[in-house]
Amino acid sequence: MQPQSGDYVIIFRKLSYKENIYLKKLQLHILLVILTMIIVMVSVSSCSTKKNTWSRRAYHNMTCHYNVFWNGKNSLYDGAEALTQKVIDNYKVVLRVYNYGTLQEAQSLNSQMDRAIKKASIGIQR
């Protein structure tokens, strides 16, 4: 049957290797753009604390966990760094590998270590 003057004819041809690769890359690119848009939309919709839905609770639980963990760990490292900076090395005797100072120097950092504990426990209190 021959096409008539008003009919549309679709002609299929075999794609070359380069055209096939190009189409695969284009499909992958479109898929990545769509997935990125979905992730951004879910993230933005999860930011509000006004509504109590599962996605919002999960999002805030995750961010609270990692922010609190980072803040507590950072405060602990700051305290340990301050303690090691207070130590004065005496090169006439054998130096310790882990030199964290004396008990009095360690007790001077109690307030900073209490701050690290307080920062790390914020996520539990919420």
N, C-alpha and C. Protein backbone atom coordinates (compact mmCIF):
# COMPACT_ATOMS: atom_id res chain seq x y z
N MET A 1 0.85 -1.17 0.00
CA MET A 1 0.00 0.00 0.00
C MET A 1 0.89 1.24 0.00
N GLN A 2 0.66 2.11 -0.90
CA GLN A 2 1.45 3.33 -1.05
C GLN A 2 0.82 4.45 -0.21
N PRO A 3 1.66 5.29 0.39
CA PRO A 3 1.10 6.41 1.15
C PRO A 3 0.43 7.42 0.23
N GLN A 4 -0.62 7.99 0.70
CA GLN A 4 -1.35 8.99 -0.07
C GLN A 4 -0.77 10.37 0.24
N SER A 5 -1.25 11.36 -0.41
CA SER A 5 -0.65 12.69 -0.29
C SER A 5 -0.83 13.29 1.11
N GLY A 6 -1.87 12.95 1.83
CA GLY A 6 -2.11 13.51 3.16
C GLY A 6 -1.55 12.67 4.30
N ASP A 7 -1.01 11.50 4.01
CA ASP A 7 -0.50 10.61 5.05
C ASP A 7 0.92 11.00 5.44
N TYR A 8 1.22 10.76 6.70
CA TYR A 8 2.59 10.96 7.17
C TYR A 8 3.30 9.62 7.15
N VAL A 9 4.50 9.65 6.70
CA VAL A 9 5.27 8.42 6.61
C VAL A 9 6.44 8.53 7.57
N ILE A 10 6.59 7.55 8.42
CA ILE A 10 7.72 7.49 9.33
C ILE A 10 8.73 6.52 8.74
N ILE A 11 9.89 7.02 8.54
CA ILE A 11 10.94 6.19 7.95
C ILE A 11 11.92 5.82 9.06
N PHE A 12 12.06 4.55 9.29
CA PHE A 12 13.01 4.06 10.29
C PHE A 12 14.29 3.66 9.58
N ARG A 13 15.37 4.02 10.16
CA ARG A 13 16.65 3.57 9.63
C ARG A 13 17.51 3.12 10.79
N LYS A 14 18.46 2.33 10.49
CA LYS A 14 19.36 1.84 11.52
C LYS A 14 20.31 2.97 11.91
N LEU A 15 20.42 3.20 13.22
CA LEU A 15 21.28 4.27 13.70
C LEU A 15 22.73 3.84 13.66
N SER A 16 23.59 4.81 13.42
CA SER A 16 25.02 4.50 13.44
C SER A 16 25.48 4.35 14.89
N TYR A 17 26.68 3.88 15.07
CA TYR A 17 27.24 3.66 16.40
C TYR A 17 27.31 4.98 17.17
N LYS A 18 27.77 6.05 16.52
CA LYS A 18 27.90 7.35 17.18
C LYS A 18 26.54 7.91 17.57
N GLU A 19 25.56 7.75 16.70
CA GLU A 19 24.21 8.23 17.01
C GLU A 19 23.61 7.45 18.17
N ASN A 20 23.87 6.17 18.22
CA ASN A 20 23.38 5.33 19.30
C ASN A 20 24.00 5.75 20.63
N ILE A 21 25.31 5.99 20.64
CA ILE A 21 26.00 6.43 21.85
C ILE A 21 25.45 7.79 22.28
N TYR A 22 25.25 8.69 21.32
CA TYR A 22 24.72 10.01 21.63
C TYR A 22 23.34 9.90 22.28
N LEU A 23 22.47 9.06 21.75
CA LEU A 23 21.14 8.89 22.31
C LEU A 23 21.19 8.30 23.72
N LYS A 24 22.09 7.36 23.95
CA LYS A 24 22.24 6.78 25.29
C LYS A 24 22.70 7.84 26.29
N LYS A 25 23.66 8.67 25.87
CA LYS A 25 24.13 9.74 26.75
C LYS A 25 23.03 10.75 27.02
N LEU A 26 22.24 11.06 26.00
CA LEU A 26 21.14 11.99 26.16
C LEU A 26 20.10 11.44 27.13
N GLN A 27 19.78 10.16 27.01
CA GLN A 27 18.84 9.53 27.93
C GLN A 27 19.37 9.56 29.35
N LEU A 28 20.65 9.28 29.52
CA LEU A 28 21.26 9.31 30.85
C LEU A 28 21.23 10.72 31.42
N HIS A 29 21.53 11.70 30.60
CA HIS A 29 21.52 13.09 31.04
C HIS A 29 20.11 13.51 31.48
N ILE A 30 19.12 13.16 30.69
CA ILE A 30 17.74 13.50 31.04
C ILE A 30 17.33 12.81 32.34
N LEU A 31 17.71 11.56 32.51
CA LEU A 31 17.40 10.83 33.73
C LEU A 31 18.06 11.49 34.94
N LEU A 32 19.32 11.90 34.81
CA LEU A 32 20.01 12.56 35.92
C LEU A 32 19.37 13.90 36.27
N VAL A 33 18.94 14.64 35.27
CA VAL A 33 18.27 15.92 35.52
C VAL A 33 16.96 15.69 36.26
N ILE A 34 16.20 14.70 35.83
CA ILE A 34 14.92 14.40 36.49
C ILE A 34 15.14 13.95 37.92
N LEU A 35 16.11 13.07 38.15
CA LEU A 35 16.40 12.61 39.51
C LEU A 35 16.87 13.76 40.40
N THR A 36 17.69 14.64 39.86
CA THR A 36 18.15 15.79 40.63
C THR A 36 16.99 16.69 41.00
N MET A 37 16.09 16.91 40.07
CA MET A 37 14.92 17.74 40.36
C MET A 37 14.04 17.11 41.43
N ILE A 38 13.88 15.80 41.38
CA ILE A 38 13.07 15.11 42.39
C ILE A 38 13.73 15.23 43.76
N ILE A 39 15.04 15.03 43.82
CA ILE A 39 15.75 15.13 45.10
C ILE A 39 15.65 16.55 45.66
N VAL A 40 15.80 17.55 44.81
CA VAL A 40 15.71 18.94 45.27
C VAL A 40 14.30 19.24 45.77
N MET A 41 13.28 18.78 45.06
CA MET A 41 11.91 19.03 45.48
C MET A 41 11.60 18.35 46.80
N VAL A 42 12.08 17.13 46.99
CA VAL A 42 11.85 16.43 48.25
C VAL A 42 12.59 17.13 49.39
N SER A 43 13.81 17.57 49.12
CA SER A 43 14.58 18.26 50.15
C SER A 43 13.93 19.57 50.55
N VAL A 44 13.48 20.32 49.58
CA VAL A 44 12.85 21.61 49.88
C VAL A 44 11.53 21.40 50.61
N SER A 45 10.78 20.41 50.22
CA SER A 45 9.50 20.17 50.89
C SER A 45 9.68 19.62 52.29
N SER A 46 10.85 19.08 52.59
CA SER A 46 11.10 18.51 53.92
C SER A 46 11.65 19.52 54.91
N CYS A 47 11.94 20.73 54.48
CA CYS A 47 12.62 21.69 55.35
C CYS A 47 11.71 22.30 56.40
N SER A 48 10.44 22.40 56.18
CA SER A 48 9.55 23.05 57.13
C SER A 48 9.33 22.18 58.36
N THR A 49 9.31 22.83 59.52
CA THR A 49 9.04 22.10 60.76
C THR A 49 7.58 22.22 61.17
N LYS A 50 6.77 22.90 60.37
CA LYS A 50 5.37 23.13 60.74
C LYS A 50 4.52 21.87 60.62
N LYS A 51 4.73 21.10 59.57
CA LYS A 51 3.93 19.90 59.37
C LYS A 51 4.66 18.68 59.92
N ASN A 52 3.91 17.75 60.45
CA ASN A 52 4.49 16.57 61.07
C ASN A 52 4.24 15.35 60.18
N THR A 53 5.04 15.27 59.09
CA THR A 53 4.91 14.12 58.20
C THR A 53 6.16 13.26 58.31
N TRP A 54 6.07 12.06 57.77
CA TRP A 54 7.20 11.13 57.87
C TRP A 54 8.45 11.67 57.20
N SER A 55 8.29 12.24 56.01
CA SER A 55 9.48 12.73 55.28
C SER A 55 10.14 13.89 56.03
N ARG A 56 9.35 14.75 56.61
CA ARG A 56 9.93 15.88 57.35
C ARG A 56 10.60 15.41 58.63
N ARG A 57 9.99 14.46 59.33
CA ARG A 57 10.63 13.93 60.54
C ARG A 57 11.94 13.23 60.20
N ALA A 58 11.94 12.46 59.11
CA ALA A 58 13.17 11.75 58.71
C ALA A 58 14.26 12.74 58.31
N TYR A 59 13.89 13.77 57.57
CA TYR A 59 14.87 14.78 57.15
C TYR A 59 15.47 15.50 58.35
N HIS A 60 14.62 15.96 59.26
CA HIS A 60 15.12 16.69 60.43
C HIS A 60 15.87 15.78 61.39
N ASN A 61 15.48 14.52 61.46
CA ASN A 61 16.22 13.57 62.29
C ASN A 61 17.63 13.38 61.74
N MET A 62 17.75 13.25 60.42
CA MET A 62 19.06 13.06 59.81
C MET A 62 19.94 14.30 59.99
N THR A 63 19.40 15.48 59.70
CA THR A 63 20.22 16.69 59.83
C THR A 63 20.57 16.96 61.28
N CYS A 64 19.65 16.72 62.19
CA CYS A 64 19.93 16.92 63.61
C CYS A 64 21.03 15.97 64.07
N HIS A 65 20.95 14.72 63.65
CA HIS A 65 21.95 13.73 64.06
C HIS A 65 23.34 14.14 63.62
N TYR A 66 23.49 14.48 62.35
CA TYR A 66 24.82 14.77 61.83
C TYR A 66 25.33 16.14 62.27
N ASN A 67 24.45 17.14 62.39
CA ASN A 67 24.89 18.45 62.88
C ASN A 67 25.33 18.37 64.33
N VAL A 68 24.56 17.68 65.16
CA VAL A 68 24.91 17.53 66.57
C VAL A 68 26.20 16.73 66.71
N PHE A 69 26.33 15.67 65.94
CA PHE A 69 27.55 14.85 65.98
C PHE A 69 28.76 15.68 65.59
N TRP A 70 28.64 16.47 64.54
CA TRP A 70 29.76 17.29 64.08
C TRP A 70 30.12 18.35 65.11
N ASN A 71 29.10 19.03 65.68
CA ASN A 71 29.38 20.07 66.67
C ASN A 71 30.05 19.50 67.92
N GLY A 72 29.56 18.36 68.41
CA GLY A 72 30.17 17.74 69.58
C GLY A 72 31.59 17.28 69.31
N LYS A 73 31.80 16.65 68.17
CA LYS A 73 33.14 16.17 67.82
C LYS A 73 34.11 17.34 67.62
N ASN A 74 33.64 18.40 67.00
CA ASN A 74 34.48 19.57 66.78
C ASN A 74 34.86 20.22 68.11
N SER A 75 33.93 20.32 69.03
CA SER A 75 34.22 20.89 70.35
C SER A 75 35.19 20.01 71.12
N LEU A 76 35.05 18.70 71.00
CA LEU A 76 35.98 17.78 71.66
C LEU A 76 37.38 17.92 71.10
N TYR A 77 37.50 18.02 69.79
CA TYR A 77 38.82 18.20 69.17
C TYR A 77 39.44 19.54 69.54
N ASP A 78 38.61 20.57 69.66
CA ASP A 78 39.14 21.87 70.09
C ASP A 78 39.70 21.79 71.50
N GLY A 79 39.00 21.08 72.38
CA GLY A 79 39.50 20.91 73.75
C GLY A 79 40.79 20.11 73.80
N ALA A 80 40.86 19.03 73.02
CA ALA A 80 42.08 18.23 72.98
C ALA A 80 43.24 19.03 72.39
N GLU A 81 42.96 19.84 71.39
CA GLU A 81 44.00 20.68 70.79
C GLU A 81 44.49 21.73 71.78
N ALA A 82 43.57 22.32 72.53
CA ALA A 82 43.97 23.31 73.55
C ALA A 82 44.82 22.65 74.62
N LEU A 83 44.50 21.42 74.98
CA LEU A 83 45.28 20.71 76.00
C LEU A 83 46.68 20.39 75.50
N THR A 84 46.81 19.95 74.27
CA THR A 84 48.14 19.63 73.75
C THR A 84 48.96 20.90 73.51
N GLN A 85 48.31 22.03 73.28
CA GLN A 85 49.05 23.29 73.10
C GLN A 85 49.59 23.80 74.44
N LYS A 86 48.94 23.45 75.55
CA LYS A 86 49.41 23.89 76.87
C LYS A 86 50.64 23.12 77.33
N VAL A 87 50.88 21.96 76.74
CA VAL A 87 52.00 21.12 77.17
C VAL A 87 53.30 21.71 76.65
N ILE A 88 54.27 21.83 77.54
CA ILE A 88 55.61 22.29 77.16
C ILE A 88 56.53 21.08 77.22
N ASP A 89 57.16 20.79 76.10
CA ASP A 89 58.02 19.61 76.02
C ASP A 89 59.37 19.88 76.69
N ASN A 90 59.82 18.91 77.48
CA ASN A 90 61.14 18.95 78.11
C ASN A 90 62.00 17.94 77.37
N TYR A 91 62.96 18.43 76.60
CA TYR A 91 63.76 17.55 75.77
C TYR A 91 64.90 16.89 76.52
N LYS A 92 65.01 17.12 77.82
CA LYS A 92 66.06 16.48 78.62
C LYS A 92 65.62 15.11 79.11
N VAL A 93 64.32 14.83 79.02
CA VAL A 93 63.79 13.52 79.42
C VAL A 93 63.10 12.91 78.21
N VAL A 94 62.75 11.63 78.32
CA VAL A 94 62.06 10.94 77.24
C VAL A 94 60.64 11.51 77.13
N LEU A 95 60.27 11.88 75.92
CA LEU A 95 58.95 12.46 75.70
C LEU A 95 57.91 11.35 75.54
N ARG A 96 56.71 11.65 76.04
CA ARG A 96 55.62 10.69 75.88
C ARG A 96 55.03 10.81 74.48
N VAL A 97 54.52 9.70 73.97
CA VAL A 97 53.92 9.71 72.64
C VAL A 97 52.60 10.49 72.67
N TYR A 98 51.74 10.17 73.62
CA TYR A 98 50.46 10.86 73.77
C TYR A 98 50.57 11.76 74.99
N ASN A 99 51.03 12.96 74.79
CA ASN A 99 51.26 13.88 75.90
C ASN A 99 50.05 14.78 76.06
N TYR A 100 49.20 14.43 77.00
CA TYR A 100 48.00 15.22 77.25
C TYR A 100 48.11 16.05 78.51
N GLY A 101 49.29 16.27 78.99
CA GLY A 101 49.48 17.16 80.12
C GLY A 101 49.19 16.51 81.46
N THR A 102 49.12 17.36 82.46
CA THR A 102 48.89 16.88 83.83
C THR A 102 47.40 16.91 84.15
N LEU A 103 47.08 16.44 85.34
CA LEU A 103 45.69 16.40 85.78
C LEU A 103 45.14 17.82 85.94
N GLN A 104 45.95 18.73 86.44
CA GLN A 104 45.49 20.12 86.62
C GLN A 104 45.20 20.77 85.26
N GLU A 105 46.05 20.50 84.27
CA GLU A 105 45.80 21.06 82.93
C GLU A 105 44.53 20.47 82.33
N ALA A 106 44.32 19.19 82.57
CA ALA A 106 43.11 18.55 82.04
C ALA A 106 41.87 19.09 82.73
N GLN A 107 41.96 19.35 84.04
CA GLN A 107 40.80 19.88 84.76
C GLN A 107 40.48 21.31 84.36
N SER A 108 41.46 22.02 83.83
CA SER A 108 41.18 23.39 83.37
C SER A 108 40.29 23.39 82.13
N LEU A 109 40.19 22.26 81.46
CA LEU A 109 39.36 22.16 80.25
C LEU A 109 38.00 21.52 80.52
N ASN A 110 37.63 21.36 81.79
CA ASN A 110 36.35 20.73 82.12
C ASN A 110 35.17 21.47 81.48
N SER A 111 35.23 22.79 81.50
CA SER A 111 34.10 23.56 80.94
C SER A 111 33.95 23.31 79.44
N GLN A 112 35.08 23.21 78.75
CA GLN A 112 35.01 22.96 77.30
C GLN A 112 34.54 21.54 77.01
N MET A 113 34.96 20.58 77.81
CA MET A 113 34.50 19.20 77.61
C MET A 113 33.03 19.06 77.98
N ASP A 114 32.59 19.80 79.02
CA ASP A 114 31.16 19.80 79.34
C ASP A 114 30.35 20.39 78.19
N ARG A 115 30.91 21.39 77.54
CA ARG A 115 30.25 21.98 76.37
C ARG A 115 30.14 20.96 75.24
N ALA A 116 31.18 20.14 75.05
CA ALA A 116 31.14 19.11 74.01
C ALA A 116 30.07 18.07 74.33
N ILE A 117 29.97 17.69 75.60
CA ILE A 117 28.94 16.73 76.01
C ILE A 117 27.55 17.34 75.82
N LYS A 118 27.40 18.61 76.17
CA LYS A 118 26.11 19.27 76.01
C LYS A 118 25.72 19.35 74.53
N LYS A 119 26.68 19.69 73.67
CA LYS A 119 26.39 19.77 72.24
C LYS A 119 26.03 18.40 71.67
N ALA A 120 26.71 17.36 72.16
CA ALA A 120 26.44 16.02 71.64
C ALA A 120 25.11 15.47 72.13
N SER A 121 24.60 15.99 73.25
CA SER A 121 23.35 15.46 73.79
C SER A 121 22.12 16.23 73.32
N ILE A 122 22.30 17.27 72.55
CA ILE A 122 21.15 18.06 72.07
C ILE A 122 20.21 17.21 71.23
N GLY A 123 20.75 16.37 70.38
CA GLY A 123 19.92 15.52 69.52
C GLY A 123 19.08 14.53 70.31
N ILE A 124 19.60 14.07 71.44
CA ILE A 124 18.86 13.13 72.27
C ILE A 124 17.69 13.84 72.95
N GLN A 125 17.91 15.07 73.37
CA GLN A 125 16.87 15.82 74.08
C GLN A 125 15.71 16.18 73.18
N ARG A 126 15.97 16.32 71.88
CA ARG A 126 14.89 16.67 70.95
C ARG A 126 14.17 15.43 70.62
